[in-house]
Structure formats: C-alpha cells, structure tokens
Amino acid sequence: MKNELEESNEEILLLRKENEHL
C-alpha cells in the first residue's frame, strides 16, 4: 500500500523533471 506522502512525493519529482526540461 502506498502512502499519500509517497504519491505526492512522486508527483513532485515528476514536476521537477518537467521543470528541468524548461
């Protein structure tokens, strides 16, 4: 089972990757 924190953390990491491409 995943924690809400883990899920939000993954989202943040994805957003960071997207920002790096900018």
PDB file of N, CA and C in Angstrom:
ATOM      1  N   MET A   1       0.845  -1.214   0.000  1.00  0.00           N
ATOM      2  CA  MET A   1       0.000   0.000   0.000  1.00  0.00           C
ATOM      3  C   MET A   1       0.873   1.254   0.000  1.00  0.00           C
ATOM      4  N   LYS A   2       0.433   2.228  -0.738  1.00  0.00           N
ATOM      5  CA  LYS A   2       1.204   3.479  -0.841  1.00  0.00           C
ATOM      6  C   LYS A   2       0.669   4.523   0.112  1.00  0.00           C
ATOM      7  N   ASN A   3       1.585   5.302   0.616  1.00  0.00           N
ATOM      8  CA  ASN A   3       1.175   6.427   1.466  1.00  0.00           C
ATOM      9  C   ASN A   3       0.776   7.604   0.599  1.00  0.00           C
ATOM     10  N   GLU A   4      -0.021   8.491   1.151  1.00  0.00           N
ATOM     11  CA  GLU A   4      -0.362   9.702   0.398  1.00  0.00           C
ATOM     12  C   GLU A   4       0.903  10.520   0.190  1.00  0.00           C
ATOM     13  N   LEU A   5       1.775  10.492   1.199  1.00  0.00           N
ATOM     14  CA  LEU A   5       3.030  11.247   1.094  1.00  0.00           C
ATOM     15  C   LEU A   5       3.867  10.700  -0.058  1.00  0.00           C
ATOM     16  N   GLU A   6       3.930   9.400  -0.169  1.00  0.00           N
ATOM     17  CA  GLU A   6       4.731   8.806  -1.247  1.00  0.00           C
ATOM     18  C   GLU A   6       4.180   9.230  -2.598  1.00  0.00           C
ATOM     19  N   GLU A   7       2.871   9.195  -2.729  1.00  0.00           N
ATOM     20  CA  GLU A   7       2.260   9.571  -4.012  1.00  0.00           C
ATOM     21  C   GLU A   7       2.553  11.029  -4.332  1.00  0.00           C
ATOM     22  N   SER A   8       2.378  11.896  -3.355  1.00  0.00           N
ATOM     23  CA  SER A   8       2.625  13.324  -3.598  1.00  0.00           C
ATOM     24  C   SER A   8       4.112  13.535  -3.890  1.00  0.00           C
ATOM     25  N   ASN A   9       4.962  12.760  -3.239  1.00  0.00           N
ATOM     26  CA  ASN A   9       6.403  12.888  -3.477  1.00  0.00           C
ATOM     27  C   ASN A   9       6.723  12.536  -4.929  1.00  0.00           C
ATOM     28  N   GLU A  10       6.102  11.478  -5.433  1.00  0.00           N
ATOM     29  CA  GLU A  10       6.340  11.091  -6.828  1.00  0.00           C
ATOM     30  C   GLU A  10       5.877  12.201  -7.758  1.00  0.00           C
ATOM     31  N   GLU A  11       4.749  12.802  -7.416  1.00  0.00           N
ATOM     32  CA  GLU A  11       4.230  13.886  -8.263  1.00  0.00           C
ATOM     33  C   GLU A  11       5.217  15.041  -8.292  1.00  0.00           C
ATOM     34  N   ILE A  12       5.765  15.363  -7.123  1.00  0.00           N
ATOM     35  CA  ILE A  12       6.732  16.469  -7.038  1.00  0.00           C
ATOM     36  C   ILE A  12       7.964  16.141  -7.881  1.00  0.00           C
ATOM     37  N   LEU A  13       8.418  14.912  -7.800  1.00  0.00           N
ATOM     38  CA  LEU A  13       9.598  14.528  -8.585  1.00  0.00           C
ATOM     39  C   LEU A  13       9.303  14.680 -10.074  1.00  0.00           C
ATOM     40  N   LEU A  14       8.113  14.282 -10.491  1.00  0.00           N
ATOM     41  CA  LEU A  14       7.749  14.410 -11.906  1.00  0.00           C
ATOM     42  C   LEU A  14       7.723  15.878 -12.304  1.00  0.00           C
ATOM     43  N   LEU A  15       7.151  16.706 -11.445  1.00  0.00           N
ATOM     44  CA  LEU A  15       7.082  18.142 -11.753  1.00  0.00           C
ATOM     45  C   LEU A  15       8.493  18.709 -11.855  1.00  0.00           C
ATOM     46  N   ARG A  16       9.371  18.266 -10.995  1.00  0.00           N
ATOM     47  CA  ARG A  16      10.759  18.756 -11.028  1.00  0.00           C
ATOM     48  C   ARG A  16      11.393  18.397 -12.362  1.00  0.00           C
ATOM     49  N   LYS A  17      11.188  17.178 -12.815  1.00  0.00           N
ATOM     50  CA  LYS A  17      11.770  16.751 -14.100  1.00  0.00           C
ATOM     51  C   LYS A  17      11.226  17.631 -15.218  1.00  0.00           C
ATOM     52  N   GLU A  18       9.935  17.895 -15.190  1.00  0.00           N
ATOM     53  CA  GLU A  18       9.331  18.736 -16.232  1.00  0.00           C
ATOM     54  C   GLU A  18       9.953  20.123 -16.197  1.00  0.00           C
ATOM     55  N   ASN A  19      10.148  20.654 -15.005  1.00  0.00           N
ATOM     56  CA  ASN A  19      10.722  21.998 -14.878  1.00  0.00           C
ATOM     57  C   ASN A  19      12.157  22.012 -15.395  1.00  0.00           C
ATOM     58  N   GLU A  20      12.879  20.943 -15.169  1.00  0.00           N
ATOM     59  CA  GLU A  20      14.270  20.899 -15.629  1.00  0.00           C
ATOM     60  C   GLU A  20      14.323  21.004 -17.147  1.00  0.00           C
ATOM     61  N   HIS A  21      13.343  20.418 -17.830  1.00  0.00           N
ATOM     62  CA  HIS A  21      13.328  20.480 -19.293  1.00  0.00           C
ATOM     63  C   HIS A  21      13.074  21.903 -19.769  1.00  0.00           C
ATOM     64  N   LEU A  22      12.382  22.690 -18.936  1.00  0.00           N
ATOM     65  CA  LEU A  22      12.126  24.081 -19.314  1.00  0.00           C
ATOM     66  C   LEU A  22      13.426  24.858 -19.146  1.00  0.00           C
TER      67      LEU A  22
END
